[in-house]
Amino acid sequence: MRDWWAPRWPEQLDFAGPRVRTAWWSWALLGLALLAALGLEHRVTALEEARAEVAAELKRLRRADQRQRLALAASGGMRRTPVGHITPAPALQGAAMQEAALLARQLAYPWAAVLQGLETESARQQVVLMGMSLEVSSGQQAVLRAQGAVRDDMAALRWAAGLPAGQLLGRQALASPFVAAQGPYGLKADVQAVWAASPVGPP
């Protein structure tokens, strides 16, 4: 039983306040932000995988060159050498010479400009990069093959046309379509581009 002299105003206080329902567009904005972050993560992962692939190839070529040098040095040391005679360093031959030349070209090539050009054009055409492979030809040209998620056939054609000497090699349906801030993505496109010795990026 409540005392007659107790004040009633504490019972009228509402510390929780009125319940406010979250607007539907707030959830939509949150979803778009999450999809945009997912697309950026895909792009960064693809670039990191390409750099790791180039680094692994260079490491393999260095080891092959080192093994060839050791084998040549060992075979030369087994021969009887006159006192005072200086044996010249063995020259690379055959496959070892080709691998050494390829290694020198790969080390000297400005890969950062190629990756920047691909990333810039992909962002302009709203392409989500999924993978790539790089190689340097004997003519000091970088040949790049890339795969990316596109929204439609026209986006795939524009992506290939925006790359240096770009070609659309093929396109197919994505195994797992997704929706990003730009819209739905249901196709995967394969393109090839060729950069010169001093790439300046896509036109």
N, C-alpha and C. Protein backbone atom coordinates (compact mmCIF):
# COMPACT_ATOMS: atom_id res chain seq x y z
N MET A 1 0.85 -1.19 0.00
CA MET A 1 0.00 0.00 0.00
C MET A 1 0.89 1.23 0.00
N ARG A 2 0.53 2.13 -0.80
CA ARG A 2 1.37 3.33 -0.98
C ARG A 2 0.94 4.39 0.02
N ASP A 3 1.95 5.08 0.62
CA ASP A 3 1.68 6.13 1.59
C ASP A 3 1.00 7.32 0.90
N TRP A 4 0.01 7.91 1.59
CA TRP A 4 -0.72 9.02 0.97
C TRP A 4 0.12 10.27 0.82
N TRP A 5 1.17 10.35 1.62
CA TRP A 5 1.98 11.58 1.56
C TRP A 5 3.14 11.49 0.58
N ALA A 6 3.40 10.28 0.00
CA ALA A 6 4.52 10.13 -0.94
C ALA A 6 4.23 10.88 -2.25
N PRO A 7 5.18 11.61 -2.82
CA PRO A 7 4.95 12.35 -4.09
C PRO A 7 4.77 11.40 -5.27
N ARG A 8 3.98 11.85 -6.24
CA ARG A 8 3.71 11.04 -7.43
C ARG A 8 4.60 11.39 -8.63
N TRP A 9 5.31 12.48 -8.56
CA TRP A 9 6.07 12.89 -9.75
C TRP A 9 7.19 11.91 -10.14
N PRO A 10 7.83 11.14 -9.21
CA PRO A 10 8.85 10.17 -9.70
C PRO A 10 8.26 9.11 -10.60
N GLU A 11 6.98 8.76 -10.42
CA GLU A 11 6.39 7.72 -11.25
C GLU A 11 6.14 8.21 -12.67
N GLN A 12 6.11 9.50 -12.86
CA GLN A 12 5.83 10.04 -14.19
C GLN A 12 7.08 10.25 -15.02
N LEU A 13 8.26 10.02 -14.44
CA LEU A 13 9.51 10.17 -15.20
C LEU A 13 9.71 8.99 -16.15
N ASP A 14 10.11 9.28 -17.39
CA ASP A 14 10.37 8.23 -18.40
C ASP A 14 11.85 8.29 -18.77
N PHE A 15 12.64 7.43 -18.13
CA PHE A 15 14.09 7.45 -18.38
C PHE A 15 14.44 6.79 -19.72
N ALA A 16 13.64 5.87 -20.18
CA ALA A 16 13.97 5.16 -21.43
C ALA A 16 13.68 6.01 -22.66
N GLY A 17 12.69 6.90 -22.55
CA GLY A 17 12.35 7.73 -23.70
C GLY A 17 11.51 6.96 -24.70
N PRO A 18 11.01 7.65 -25.70
CA PRO A 18 10.17 6.98 -26.71
C PRO A 18 11.00 6.06 -27.60
N ARG A 19 10.44 4.95 -28.05
CA ARG A 19 11.12 4.03 -28.96
C ARG A 19 11.10 4.60 -30.37
N VAL A 20 12.29 4.67 -30.97
CA VAL A 20 12.41 5.23 -32.33
C VAL A 20 12.76 4.08 -33.26
N ARG A 21 11.97 3.86 -34.27
CA ARG A 21 12.25 2.81 -35.25
C ARG A 21 13.26 3.30 -36.26
N THR A 22 14.21 2.42 -36.58
CA THR A 22 15.23 2.76 -37.58
C THR A 22 14.60 2.78 -38.97
N ALA A 23 14.89 3.85 -39.71
CA ALA A 23 14.32 3.99 -41.05
C ALA A 23 14.89 2.92 -41.98
N TRP A 24 14.12 2.52 -43.00
CA TRP A 24 14.56 1.46 -43.92
C TRP A 24 15.78 1.92 -44.73
N TRP A 25 15.83 3.23 -45.04
CA TRP A 25 16.96 3.68 -45.85
C TRP A 25 18.26 3.63 -45.07
N SER A 26 18.21 3.66 -43.74
CA SER A 26 19.44 3.53 -42.95
C SER A 26 20.05 2.15 -43.12
N TRP A 27 19.17 1.11 -43.11
CA TRP A 27 19.67 -0.25 -43.33
C TRP A 27 20.19 -0.39 -44.76
N ALA A 28 19.53 0.27 -45.72
CA ALA A 28 20.00 0.19 -47.11
C ALA A 28 21.38 0.80 -47.26
N LEU A 29 21.60 1.97 -46.63
CA LEU A 29 22.92 2.59 -46.69
C LEU A 29 23.99 1.71 -46.05
N LEU A 30 23.65 1.07 -44.94
CA LEU A 30 24.59 0.17 -44.29
C LEU A 30 24.95 -1.00 -45.20
N GLY A 31 23.94 -1.56 -45.88
CA GLY A 31 24.21 -2.66 -46.80
C GLY A 31 25.08 -2.25 -47.96
N LEU A 32 24.84 -1.07 -48.53
CA LEU A 32 25.67 -0.58 -49.63
C LEU A 32 27.10 -0.35 -49.19
N ALA A 33 27.28 0.17 -47.97
CA ALA A 33 28.64 0.39 -47.47
C ALA A 33 29.38 -0.93 -47.30
N LEU A 34 28.68 -1.94 -46.80
CA LEU A 34 29.32 -3.26 -46.64
C LEU A 34 29.69 -3.86 -47.98
N LEU A 35 28.83 -3.71 -48.99
CA LEU A 35 29.14 -4.25 -50.32
C LEU A 35 30.30 -3.51 -50.96
N ALA A 36 30.36 -2.19 -50.77
CA ALA A 36 31.49 -1.43 -51.31
C ALA A 36 32.80 -1.86 -50.66
N ALA A 37 32.77 -2.10 -49.35
CA ALA A 37 33.98 -2.57 -48.67
C ALA A 37 34.39 -3.94 -49.17
N LEU A 38 33.40 -4.81 -49.46
CA LEU A 38 33.70 -6.14 -50.00
C LEU A 38 34.36 -6.04 -51.37
N GLY A 39 33.86 -5.15 -52.23
CA GLY A 39 34.47 -4.97 -53.54
C GLY A 39 35.89 -4.47 -53.44
N LEU A 40 36.15 -3.52 -52.53
CA LEU A 40 37.51 -3.01 -52.35
C LEU A 40 38.43 -4.11 -51.84
N GLU A 41 37.92 -4.96 -50.96
CA GLU A 41 38.74 -6.06 -50.44
C GLU A 41 39.12 -7.02 -51.56
N HIS A 42 38.17 -7.31 -52.48
CA HIS A 42 38.48 -8.17 -53.63
C HIS A 42 39.60 -7.56 -54.47
N ARG A 43 39.52 -6.24 -54.71
CA ARG A 43 40.52 -5.59 -55.55
C ARG A 43 41.90 -5.62 -54.90
N VAL A 44 41.97 -5.33 -53.61
CA VAL A 44 43.26 -5.35 -52.91
C VAL A 44 43.84 -6.76 -52.89
N THR A 45 42.98 -7.76 -52.67
CA THR A 45 43.46 -9.14 -52.65
C THR A 45 44.04 -9.54 -54.00
N ALA A 46 43.37 -9.13 -55.09
CA ALA A 46 43.88 -9.47 -56.43
C ALA A 46 45.24 -8.85 -56.69
N LEU A 47 45.41 -7.59 -56.30
CA LEU A 47 46.70 -6.93 -56.49
C LEU A 47 47.79 -7.59 -55.67
N GLU A 48 47.47 -7.94 -54.42
CA GLU A 48 48.46 -8.60 -53.58
C GLU A 48 48.84 -9.96 -54.15
N GLU A 49 47.88 -10.71 -54.69
CA GLU A 49 48.18 -12.01 -55.28
C GLU A 49 49.06 -11.85 -56.51
N ALA A 50 48.82 -10.80 -57.31
CA ALA A 50 49.66 -10.58 -58.49
C ALA A 50 51.09 -10.26 -58.09
N ARG A 51 51.26 -9.39 -57.08
CA ARG A 51 52.61 -9.06 -56.62
C ARG A 51 53.31 -10.30 -56.06
N ALA A 52 52.57 -11.12 -55.32
CA ALA A 52 53.17 -12.34 -54.77
C ALA A 52 53.58 -13.31 -55.87
N GLU A 53 52.76 -13.37 -56.94
CA GLU A 53 53.09 -14.25 -58.05
C GLU A 53 54.36 -13.80 -58.76
N VAL A 54 54.50 -12.50 -58.98
CA VAL A 54 55.72 -11.98 -59.62
C VAL A 54 56.94 -12.23 -58.74
N ALA A 55 56.79 -11.99 -57.42
CA ALA A 55 57.92 -12.21 -56.51
C ALA A 55 58.33 -13.68 -56.48
N ALA A 56 57.36 -14.61 -56.51
CA ALA A 56 57.68 -16.03 -56.50
C ALA A 56 58.40 -16.45 -57.77
N GLU A 57 57.97 -15.89 -58.91
CA GLU A 57 58.63 -16.21 -60.18
C GLU A 57 60.06 -15.71 -60.21
N LEU A 58 60.29 -14.50 -59.71
CA LEU A 58 61.64 -13.96 -59.66
C LEU A 58 62.53 -14.79 -58.74
N LYS A 59 61.99 -15.24 -57.62
CA LYS A 59 62.76 -16.07 -56.69
C LYS A 59 63.14 -17.40 -57.33
N ARG A 60 62.21 -18.00 -58.08
CA ARG A 60 62.51 -19.26 -58.74
C ARG A 60 63.61 -19.09 -59.78
N LEU A 61 63.57 -18.00 -60.53
CA LEU A 61 64.59 -17.76 -61.55
C LEU A 61 65.96 -17.52 -60.91
N ARG A 62 66.00 -16.81 -59.79
CA ARG A 62 67.27 -16.60 -59.11
C ARG A 62 67.87 -17.93 -58.67
N ARG A 63 67.02 -18.82 -58.13
CA ARG A 63 67.54 -20.12 -57.68
C ARG A 63 68.06 -20.94 -58.86
N ALA A 64 67.33 -20.91 -59.98
CA ALA A 64 67.78 -21.66 -61.16
C ALA A 64 69.11 -21.13 -61.67
N ASP A 65 69.26 -19.81 -61.68
CA ASP A 65 70.53 -19.23 -62.12
C ASP A 65 71.67 -19.60 -61.17
N GLN A 66 71.38 -19.58 -59.86
CA GLN A 66 72.41 -19.93 -58.88
C GLN A 66 72.83 -21.40 -59.02
N ARG A 67 71.87 -22.30 -59.23
CA ARG A 67 72.21 -23.71 -59.41
C ARG A 67 73.07 -23.92 -60.65
N GLN A 68 72.74 -23.18 -61.73
CA GLN A 68 73.52 -23.31 -62.95
C GLN A 68 74.95 -22.82 -62.74
N ARG A 69 75.10 -21.74 -62.03
CA ARG A 69 76.44 -21.22 -61.76
C ARG A 69 77.26 -22.20 -60.92
N LEU A 70 76.61 -22.79 -59.89
CA LEU A 70 77.32 -23.74 -59.03
C LEU A 70 77.72 -24.98 -59.81
N ALA A 71 76.84 -25.45 -60.69
CA ALA A 71 77.16 -26.64 -61.48
C ALA A 71 78.32 -26.37 -62.43
N LEU A 72 78.33 -25.21 -63.06
CA LEU A 72 79.42 -24.88 -63.96
C LEU A 72 80.73 -24.69 -63.20
N ALA A 73 80.64 -24.07 -62.01
CA ALA A 73 81.84 -23.88 -61.21
C ALA A 73 82.41 -25.21 -60.74
N ALA A 74 81.52 -26.15 -60.37
CA ALA A 74 81.98 -27.45 -59.90
C ALA A 74 82.63 -28.24 -61.03
N SER A 75 82.04 -28.22 -62.21
CA SER A 75 82.62 -28.95 -63.33
C SER A 75 83.95 -28.34 -63.77
N GLY A 76 84.08 -27.03 -63.66
CA GLY A 76 85.35 -26.39 -64.02
C GLY A 76 86.44 -26.67 -63.00
N GLY A 77 86.07 -26.80 -61.70
CA GLY A 77 87.06 -27.06 -60.66
C GLY A 77 87.63 -28.45 -60.70
N MET A 78 86.92 -29.41 -61.32
CA MET A 78 87.42 -30.78 -61.41
C MET A 78 88.55 -30.91 -62.41
N ARG A 79 88.66 -30.00 -63.34
CA ARG A 79 89.75 -30.05 -64.31
C ARG A 79 91.04 -29.58 -63.66
N ARG A 80 92.17 -30.11 -64.14
CA ARG A 80 93.48 -29.70 -63.64
C ARG A 80 93.86 -28.37 -64.25
N THR A 81 94.10 -27.40 -63.41
CA THR A 81 94.42 -26.05 -63.86
C THR A 81 95.88 -25.76 -63.60
N PRO A 82 96.66 -25.30 -64.61
CA PRO A 82 98.07 -24.96 -64.39
C PRO A 82 98.22 -23.87 -63.34
N VAL A 83 99.39 -23.93 -62.64
CA VAL A 83 99.68 -22.93 -61.61
C VAL A 83 99.79 -21.56 -62.26
N GLY A 84 99.14 -20.58 -61.65
CA GLY A 84 99.19 -19.22 -62.17
C GLY A 84 98.15 -18.93 -63.24
N HIS A 85 97.44 -19.96 -63.66
CA HIS A 85 96.43 -19.74 -64.68
C HIS A 85 95.13 -19.29 -64.04
N ILE A 86 94.51 -18.27 -64.56
CA ILE A 86 93.25 -17.74 -64.05
C ILE A 86 92.12 -18.24 -64.95
N THR A 87 91.24 -18.98 -64.36
CA THR A 87 90.11 -19.52 -65.12
C THR A 87 89.00 -18.48 -65.19
N PRO A 88 88.58 -18.11 -66.38
CA PRO A 88 87.51 -17.12 -66.48
C PRO A 88 86.20 -17.69 -65.94
N ALA A 89 85.36 -16.79 -65.49
CA ALA A 89 84.06 -17.19 -64.96
C ALA A 89 83.24 -17.86 -66.06
N PRO A 90 82.59 -18.98 -65.75
CA PRO A 90 81.81 -19.68 -66.77
C PRO A 90 80.67 -18.82 -67.27
N ALA A 91 80.45 -18.86 -68.57
CA ALA A 91 79.37 -18.07 -69.18
C ALA A 91 78.06 -18.86 -69.14
N LEU A 92 76.97 -18.15 -68.98
CA LEU A 92 75.67 -18.80 -69.00
C LEU A 92 75.37 -19.27 -70.41
N GLN A 93 74.77 -20.43 -70.50
CA GLN A 93 74.48 -21.00 -71.80
C GLN A 93 73.05 -21.51 -71.83
N GLY A 94 72.48 -21.54 -73.01
CA GLY A 94 71.19 -22.17 -73.23
C GLY A 94 70.08 -21.59 -72.38
N ALA A 95 69.39 -22.51 -71.69
CA ALA A 95 68.22 -22.13 -70.91
C ALA A 95 68.57 -21.19 -69.77
N ALA A 96 69.78 -21.38 -69.17
CA ALA A 96 70.18 -20.51 -68.07
C ALA A 96 70.32 -19.07 -68.54
N MET A 97 70.86 -18.88 -69.74
CA MET A 97 71.01 -17.52 -70.28
C MET A 97 69.65 -16.89 -70.55
N GLN A 98 68.73 -17.69 -71.06
CA GLN A 98 67.39 -17.15 -71.32
C GLN A 98 66.69 -16.78 -70.03
N GLU A 99 66.82 -17.62 -69.00
CA GLU A 99 66.19 -17.31 -67.72
C GLU A 99 66.80 -16.09 -67.08
N ALA A 100 68.14 -15.94 -67.21
CA ALA A 100 68.80 -14.76 -66.65
C ALA A 100 68.34 -13.49 -67.36
N ALA A 101 68.18 -13.57 -68.69
CA ALA A 101 67.70 -12.41 -69.44
C ALA A 101 66.26 -12.07 -69.05
N LEU A 102 65.43 -13.11 -68.88
CA LEU A 102 64.05 -12.86 -68.45
C LEU A 102 64.01 -12.24 -67.07
N LEU A 103 64.87 -12.73 -66.17
CA LEU A 103 64.93 -12.17 -64.83
C LEU A 103 65.32 -10.69 -64.86
N ALA A 104 66.31 -10.35 -65.69
CA ALA A 104 66.74 -8.95 -65.78
C ALA A 104 65.62 -8.07 -66.31
N ARG A 105 64.87 -8.57 -67.28
CA ARG A 105 63.76 -7.77 -67.82
C ARG A 105 62.67 -7.58 -66.78
N GLN A 106 62.37 -8.63 -66.02
CA GLN A 106 61.32 -8.51 -65.02
C GLN A 106 61.72 -7.57 -63.89
N LEU A 107 63.00 -7.60 -63.52
CA LEU A 107 63.45 -6.71 -62.45
C LEU A 107 63.43 -5.25 -62.90
N ALA A 108 63.72 -5.01 -64.18
CA ALA A 108 63.83 -3.63 -64.66
C ALA A 108 62.49 -3.04 -65.05
N TYR A 109 61.46 -3.85 -65.19
CA TYR A 109 60.19 -3.33 -65.70
C TYR A 109 59.43 -2.55 -64.63
N PRO A 110 58.83 -1.43 -64.99
CA PRO A 110 58.05 -0.63 -64.02
C PRO A 110 56.68 -1.23 -63.75
N TRP A 111 56.63 -2.24 -62.91
CA TRP A 111 55.37 -2.94 -62.64
C TRP A 111 54.35 -2.03 -61.97
N ALA A 112 54.79 -1.11 -61.15
CA ALA A 112 53.84 -0.25 -60.43
C ALA A 112 52.96 0.53 -61.40
N ALA A 113 53.54 0.99 -62.52
CA ALA A 113 52.75 1.75 -63.49
C ALA A 113 51.71 0.85 -64.17
N VAL A 114 52.08 -0.40 -64.43
CA VAL A 114 51.13 -1.32 -65.06
C VAL A 114 49.95 -1.59 -64.12
N LEU A 115 50.24 -1.90 -62.86
CA LEU A 115 49.18 -2.18 -61.90
C LEU A 115 48.30 -0.95 -61.65
N GLN A 116 48.94 0.22 -61.62
CA GLN A 116 48.16 1.45 -61.43
C GLN A 116 47.24 1.71 -62.62
N GLY A 117 47.76 1.47 -63.84
CA GLY A 117 46.92 1.65 -65.02
C GLY A 117 45.74 0.70 -65.05
N LEU A 118 45.98 -0.56 -64.67
CA LEU A 118 44.88 -1.53 -64.63
C LEU A 118 43.86 -1.15 -63.56
N GLU A 119 44.33 -0.76 -62.39
CA GLU A 119 43.41 -0.41 -61.31
C GLU A 119 42.59 0.83 -61.67
N THR A 120 43.22 1.82 -62.30
CA THR A 120 42.51 3.04 -62.67
C THR A 120 41.40 2.76 -63.68
N GLU A 121 41.73 1.99 -64.72
CA GLU A 121 40.72 1.70 -65.74
C GLU A 121 39.61 0.80 -65.18
N SER A 122 39.97 -0.13 -64.31
CA SER A 122 38.96 -1.01 -63.72
C SER A 122 37.98 -0.20 -62.86
N ALA A 123 38.52 0.74 -62.08
CA ALA A 123 37.65 1.58 -61.26
C ALA A 123 36.76 2.46 -62.13
N ARG A 124 37.30 2.96 -63.24
CA ARG A 124 36.50 3.82 -64.12
C ARG A 124 35.34 3.05 -64.75
N GLN A 125 35.56 1.78 -65.06
CA GLN A 125 34.51 0.97 -65.67
C GLN A 125 33.72 0.16 -64.64
N GLN A 126 33.97 0.40 -63.35
CA GLN A 126 33.25 -0.28 -62.26
C GLN A 126 33.43 -1.79 -62.34
N VAL A 127 34.68 -2.22 -62.57
CA VAL A 127 35.02 -3.64 -62.64
C VAL A 127 35.63 -4.05 -61.30
N VAL A 128 35.21 -5.20 -60.78
CA VAL A 128 35.78 -5.74 -59.55
C VAL A 128 36.82 -6.78 -59.95
N LEU A 129 38.12 -6.47 -59.75
CA LEU A 129 39.20 -7.37 -60.16
C LEU A 129 39.13 -8.67 -59.36
N MET A 130 39.36 -9.79 -60.07
CA MET A 130 39.32 -11.10 -59.43
C MET A 130 40.65 -11.85 -59.55
N GLY A 131 41.50 -11.47 -60.51
CA GLY A 131 42.79 -12.15 -60.67
C GLY A 131 43.54 -11.58 -61.85
N MET A 132 44.85 -11.87 -61.92
CA MET A 132 45.66 -11.38 -63.04
C MET A 132 46.94 -12.19 -63.13
N SER A 133 47.57 -12.12 -64.29
CA SER A 133 48.89 -12.72 -64.50
C SER A 133 49.71 -11.78 -65.36
N LEU A 134 51.01 -11.71 -65.10
CA LEU A 134 51.89 -10.76 -65.78
C LEU A 134 53.10 -11.50 -66.34
N GLU A 135 53.59 -11.02 -67.48
CA GLU A 135 54.84 -11.53 -68.04
C GLU A 135 55.44 -10.46 -68.93
N VAL A 136 56.78 -10.54 -69.11
CA VAL A 136 57.49 -9.58 -69.96
C VAL A 136 57.99 -10.33 -71.18
N SER A 137 57.64 -9.85 -72.37
CA SER A 137 58.07 -10.48 -73.60
C SER A 137 59.48 -10.02 -73.95
N SER A 138 60.05 -10.66 -74.97
CA SER A 138 61.42 -10.30 -75.39
C SER A 138 61.49 -8.89 -75.95
N GLY A 139 60.36 -8.33 -76.35
CA GLY A 139 60.35 -6.97 -76.89
C GLY A 139 60.15 -5.91 -75.84
N GLN A 140 60.42 -6.26 -74.57
CA GLN A 140 60.28 -5.30 -73.46
C GLN A 140 58.85 -4.78 -73.35
N GLN A 141 57.89 -5.67 -73.55
CA GLN A 141 56.49 -5.32 -73.37
C GLN A 141 55.90 -6.19 -72.27
N ALA A 142 55.05 -5.59 -71.48
CA ALA A 142 54.38 -6.32 -70.41
C ALA A 142 53.02 -6.80 -70.92
N VAL A 143 52.83 -8.11 -70.91
CA VAL A 143 51.55 -8.70 -71.32
C VAL A 143 50.78 -9.07 -70.06
N LEU A 144 49.59 -8.53 -69.92
CA LEU A 144 48.79 -8.71 -68.72
C LEU A 144 47.46 -9.36 -69.09
N ARG A 145 47.10 -10.38 -68.32
CA ARG A 145 45.78 -10.99 -68.44
C ARG A 145 45.07 -10.82 -67.11
N ALA A 146 43.85 -10.34 -67.16
CA ALA A 146 43.12 -10.05 -65.93
C ALA A 146 41.70 -10.59 -66.04
N GLN A 147 41.17 -10.95 -64.88
CA GLN A 147 39.78 -11.39 -64.79
C GLN A 147 39.06 -10.46 -63.81
N GLY A 148 37.85 -10.10 -64.16
CA GLY A 148 37.10 -9.19 -63.31
C GLY A 148 35.60 -9.41 -63.44
N ALA A 149 34.88 -9.09 -62.38
CA ALA A 149 33.42 -9.16 -62.40
C ALA A 149 32.87 -7.88 -63.02
N VAL A 150 31.97 -8.02 -63.98
CA VAL A 150 31.37 -6.88 -64.68
C VAL A 150 29.85 -7.00 -64.58
N ARG A 151 29.20 -5.87 -64.83
CA ARG A 151 27.74 -5.84 -64.70
C ARG A 151 27.04 -6.39 -65.94
N ASP A 152 27.62 -6.14 -67.13
CA ASP A 152 26.99 -6.62 -68.35
C ASP A 152 28.03 -6.71 -69.46
N ASP A 153 27.59 -7.09 -70.66
CA ASP A 153 28.51 -7.26 -71.79
C ASP A 153 29.14 -5.94 -72.20
N MET A 154 28.38 -4.87 -72.17
CA MET A 154 28.93 -3.57 -72.57
C MET A 154 30.04 -3.13 -71.63
N ALA A 155 29.89 -3.40 -70.34
CA ALA A 155 30.94 -3.04 -69.39
C ALA A 155 32.22 -3.83 -69.68
N ALA A 156 32.08 -5.10 -70.06
CA ALA A 156 33.25 -5.90 -70.41
C ALA A 156 33.96 -5.35 -71.64
N LEU A 157 33.18 -4.97 -72.65
CA LEU A 157 33.78 -4.41 -73.87
C LEU A 157 34.47 -3.07 -73.58
N ARG A 158 33.86 -2.22 -72.76
CA ARG A 158 34.47 -0.93 -72.43
C ARG A 158 35.75 -1.14 -71.63
N TRP A 159 35.76 -2.11 -70.74
CA TRP A 159 36.97 -2.40 -69.95
C TRP A 159 38.12 -2.80 -70.85
N ALA A 160 37.88 -3.71 -71.80
CA ALA A 160 38.94 -4.14 -72.72
C ALA A 160 39.39 -2.99 -73.61
N ALA A 161 38.43 -2.18 -74.09
CA ALA A 161 38.79 -1.07 -74.99
C ALA A 161 39.59 0.00 -74.27
N GLY A 162 39.42 0.15 -72.96
CA GLY A 162 40.14 1.18 -72.22
C GLY A 162 41.56 0.82 -71.85
N LEU A 163 41.96 -0.45 -72.05
CA LEU A 163 43.33 -0.88 -71.72
C LEU A 163 44.21 -0.81 -72.96
N PRO A 164 45.54 -0.62 -72.80
CA PRO A 164 46.45 -0.54 -73.95
C PRO A 164 46.43 -1.84 -74.74
N ALA A 165 46.12 -1.75 -76.04
CA ALA A 165 46.03 -2.92 -76.92
C ALA A 165 45.14 -3.98 -76.29
N GLY A 166 44.06 -3.55 -75.67
CA GLY A 166 43.18 -4.46 -74.93
C GLY A 166 42.35 -5.36 -75.82
N GLN A 167 42.17 -6.59 -75.39
CA GLN A 167 41.33 -7.56 -76.09
C GLN A 167 40.44 -8.26 -75.08
N LEU A 168 39.20 -8.47 -75.46
CA LEU A 168 38.28 -9.24 -74.63
C LEU A 168 38.42 -10.71 -75.04
N LEU A 169 38.99 -11.52 -74.16
CA LEU A 169 39.24 -12.93 -74.47
C LEU A 169 38.00 -13.79 -74.26
N GLY A 170 37.11 -13.38 -73.39
CA GLY A 170 35.90 -14.16 -73.16
C GLY A 170 35.14 -13.64 -71.95
N ARG A 171 33.94 -14.12 -71.79
CA ARG A 171 33.12 -13.76 -70.64
C ARG A 171 32.17 -14.92 -70.34
N GLN A 172 31.84 -15.07 -69.09
CA GLN A 172 30.95 -16.15 -68.67
C GLN A 172 30.23 -15.73 -67.40
N ALA A 173 29.21 -16.47 -67.06
CA ALA A 173 28.43 -16.14 -65.87
C ALA A 173 29.23 -16.43 -64.61
N LEU A 174 29.08 -15.57 -63.62
CA LEU A 174 29.75 -15.77 -62.34
C LEU A 174 29.13 -16.97 -61.62
N ALA A 175 29.99 -17.73 -60.95
CA ALA A 175 29.49 -18.86 -60.17
C ALA A 175 28.68 -18.36 -58.97
N SER A 176 29.08 -17.21 -58.44
CA SER A 176 28.38 -16.62 -57.29
C SER A 176 28.11 -15.15 -57.57
N PRO A 177 27.03 -14.81 -58.23
CA PRO A 177 26.72 -13.39 -58.48
C PRO A 177 26.56 -12.64 -57.16
N PHE A 178 26.81 -11.32 -57.22
CA PHE A 178 26.68 -10.51 -56.02
C PHE A 178 26.19 -9.12 -56.40
N VAL A 179 25.83 -8.36 -55.40
CA VAL A 179 25.33 -7.00 -55.61
C VAL A 179 26.25 -6.05 -54.87
N ALA A 180 26.72 -5.01 -55.55
CA ALA A 180 27.58 -3.99 -54.96
C ALA A 180 26.86 -2.64 -55.02
N ALA A 181 27.59 -1.60 -54.61
CA ALA A 181 26.98 -0.27 -54.60
C ALA A 181 26.59 0.17 -56.01
N GLN A 182 27.33 -0.31 -57.03
CA GLN A 182 27.02 0.09 -58.40
C GLN A 182 25.86 -0.69 -59.01
N GLY A 183 25.50 -1.82 -58.39
CA GLY A 183 24.42 -2.63 -58.92
C GLY A 183 24.80 -4.11 -58.89
N PRO A 184 24.00 -4.96 -59.56
CA PRO A 184 24.27 -6.40 -59.56
C PRO A 184 25.42 -6.76 -60.50
N TYR A 185 26.22 -7.74 -60.10
CA TYR A 185 27.31 -8.27 -60.90
C TYR A 185 27.04 -9.75 -61.16
N GLY A 186 26.91 -10.11 -62.46
CA GLY A 186 26.60 -11.49 -62.80
C GLY A 186 27.53 -12.11 -63.83
N LEU A 187 28.52 -11.34 -64.36
CA LEU A 187 29.41 -11.85 -65.40
C LEU A 187 30.87 -11.73 -64.98
N LYS A 188 31.70 -12.64 -65.49
CA LYS A 188 33.15 -12.56 -65.33
C LYS A 188 33.78 -12.40 -66.71
N ALA A 189 34.63 -11.38 -66.86
CA ALA A 189 35.27 -11.10 -68.14
C ALA A 189 36.76 -11.37 -68.04
N ASP A 190 37.35 -11.92 -69.13
CA ASP A 190 38.79 -12.14 -69.24
C ASP A 190 39.32 -11.20 -70.32
N VAL A 191 40.30 -10.38 -69.96
CA VAL A 191 40.88 -9.42 -70.90
C VAL A 191 42.40 -9.58 -70.95
N GLN A 192 42.96 -9.09 -72.03
CA GLN A 192 44.42 -9.06 -72.19
C GLN A 192 44.83 -7.67 -72.64
N ALA A 193 45.94 -7.17 -72.09
CA ALA A 193 46.44 -5.85 -72.45
C ALA A 193 47.96 -5.94 -72.58
N VAL A 194 48.53 -5.00 -73.34
CA VAL A 194 49.98 -4.97 -73.57
C VAL A 194 50.48 -3.57 -73.27
N TRP A 195 51.42 -3.48 -72.34
CA TRP A 195 52.05 -2.21 -72.00
C TRP A 195 53.44 -2.15 -72.63
N ALA A 196 53.83 -0.96 -73.09
CA ALA A 196 55.16 -0.77 -73.64
C ALA A 196 56.17 -0.66 -72.50
N ALA A 197 57.46 -0.41 -72.86
CA ALA A 197 58.53 -0.37 -71.85
C ALA A 197 58.31 0.72 -70.83
N SER A 198 57.69 1.82 -71.22
CA SER A 198 57.42 2.93 -70.30
C SER A 198 55.94 3.21 -70.31
N PRO A 199 55.15 2.38 -69.60
CA PRO A 199 53.70 2.54 -69.66
C PRO A 199 53.24 3.86 -69.08
N VAL A 200 52.24 4.42 -69.70
CA VAL A 200 51.67 5.68 -69.22
C VAL A 200 50.23 5.49 -68.80
N GLY A 201 49.77 4.24 -68.74
CA GLY A 201 48.41 3.98 -68.30
C GLY A 201 47.46 4.00 -69.47
N PRO A 202 46.21 3.69 -69.25
CA PRO A 202 45.22 3.65 -70.31
C PRO A 202 44.92 5.03 -70.83
N PRO A 203 44.56 5.15 -72.12
CA PRO A 203 44.25 6.49 -72.67
C PRO A 203 43.00 7.07 -72.07
